[in-house]
Amino acid sequence: MSANSYETMVVFSVADGDEAVQPLVEKFKAMIEANGTLESIDEWGKRKLAYPINDEPEGYYAIYNYTAEPEFPAELARVFKITDGVLRSLIINKND
């Protein structure tokens, strides 16, 4: 089984302040590095959301580009769903 290229966008909550975001960015960076090869993290920073999510008007955007085995994104998505501070996430397989 060969690794695929992925792009993952995550919108983090800024309700607990900007300083609460960085540990989350690092947490997922470490998780991706442990399970694949991280190519880049593009941090867009704090942006106004198109519509409020959980009554929050802003979110902190980070985009991870990496290669990993095909089963890893499902685990990553599961962890996003159970992590406080993650408003939304989108995982795209760039090989499709």
Protein backbone atom coordinates (compact mmCIF):
# COMPACT_ATOMS: atom_id res chain seq x y z
CA MET A 1 0.00 0.00 0.00
CA SER A 2 1.45 3.34 -0.97
CA ALA A 3 1.10 6.69 0.71
CA ASN A 4 -1.27 9.31 -0.63
CA SER A 5 -0.98 13.09 -0.62
CA TYR A 6 -3.48 14.94 1.54
CA GLU A 7 -4.45 18.50 2.31
CA THR A 8 -6.29 19.10 5.55
CA MET A 9 -7.87 22.39 6.54
CA VAL A 10 -8.77 22.88 10.18
CA VAL A 11 -10.66 25.77 11.74
CA PHE A 12 -9.79 26.14 15.41
CA SER A 13 -11.84 28.02 17.98
CA VAL A 14 -10.42 31.33 19.21
CA ALA A 15 -12.96 31.57 22.07
CA ASP A 16 -10.24 30.74 24.63
CA GLY A 17 -7.82 33.25 23.12
CA ASP A 18 -5.19 32.99 20.41
CA GLU A 19 -2.72 31.35 22.80
CA ALA A 20 -5.06 28.35 23.11
CA VAL A 21 -4.78 27.70 19.36
CA GLN A 22 -1.04 27.06 19.06
CA PRO A 23 -0.97 23.89 21.22
CA LEU A 24 -3.72 22.45 18.99
CA VAL A 25 -1.81 23.33 15.80
CA GLU A 26 1.25 21.60 17.31
CA LYS A 27 -0.77 18.59 18.49
CA PHE A 28 -1.99 17.81 14.97
CA LYS A 29 1.41 18.61 13.48
CA ALA A 30 2.94 15.98 15.80
CA MET A 31 0.17 13.49 15.00
CA ILE A 32 0.72 13.89 11.24
CA GLU A 33 4.51 13.62 11.63
CA ALA A 34 4.08 10.42 13.66
CA ASN A 35 1.92 8.85 10.95
CA GLY A 36 3.26 10.31 7.73
CA THR A 37 5.43 12.99 6.17
CA LEU A 38 4.43 16.60 6.81
CA GLU A 39 5.26 18.78 3.81
CA SER A 40 3.96 22.12 5.05
CA ILE A 41 1.65 23.95 7.41
CA ASP A 42 0.07 27.08 6.05
CA GLU A 43 -1.34 29.08 8.94
CA TRP A 44 -3.82 31.64 7.70
CA GLY A 45 -4.42 32.83 11.23
CA LYS A 46 -7.61 34.35 12.57
CA ARG A 47 -10.33 34.96 10.00
CA LYS A 48 -13.97 35.92 10.09
CA LEU A 49 -16.15 32.90 9.41
CA ALA A 50 -18.74 32.98 6.62
CA TYR A 51 -21.31 32.07 9.27
CA PRO A 52 -21.00 31.58 13.04
CA ILE A 53 -20.07 28.07 14.18
CA ASN A 54 -21.07 27.33 17.79
CA ASP A 55 -21.90 31.06 18.10
CA GLU A 56 -18.30 31.96 17.23
CA PRO A 57 -17.82 34.61 14.53
CA GLU A 58 -14.09 33.93 14.00
CA GLY A 59 -11.82 30.95 13.66
CA TYR A 60 -8.11 30.22 13.28
CA TYR A 61 -7.31 28.50 9.99
CA ALA A 62 -4.45 26.06 9.47
CA ILE A 63 -3.78 23.98 6.37
CA TYR A 64 -1.62 20.88 6.58
CA ASN A 65 -0.10 19.27 3.47
CA TYR A 66 1.26 15.77 4.00
CA THR A 67 1.61 12.23 2.71
CA ALA A 68 0.30 9.32 4.74
CA GLU A 69 -1.10 5.81 4.42
CA PRO A 70 -4.76 5.70 3.25
CA GLU A 71 -6.11 4.64 6.66
CA PHE A 72 -4.61 7.60 8.56
CA PRO A 73 -7.10 10.36 7.50
CA ALA A 74 -10.02 8.46 9.06
CA GLU A 75 -8.17 8.39 12.40
CA LEU A 76 -7.26 12.07 12.04
CA ALA A 77 -10.91 12.96 11.33
CA ARG A 78 -11.99 10.96 14.40
CA VAL A 79 -9.55 12.89 16.61
CA PHE A 80 -10.71 16.24 15.14
CA LYS A 81 -14.30 15.37 16.09
CA ILE A 82 -13.46 14.63 19.73
CA THR A 83 -11.02 17.51 20.25
CA ASP A 84 -12.34 20.62 22.01
CA GLY A 85 -11.29 23.69 20.08
CA VAL A 86 -11.75 22.22 16.59
CA LEU A 87 -14.72 23.91 14.90
CA ARG A 88 -14.43 22.32 11.45
CA SER A 89 -12.05 20.14 9.48
CA LEU A 90 -11.82 19.01 5.88
CA ILE A 91 -9.47 16.31 4.60
CA ILE A 92 -8.82 16.16 0.85
CA ASN A 93 -7.03 13.31 -0.92
CA LYS A 94 -4.98 15.09 -3.59
CA ASN A 95 -4.46 11.82 -5.51
CA ASP A 96 -8.14 11.52 -6.47
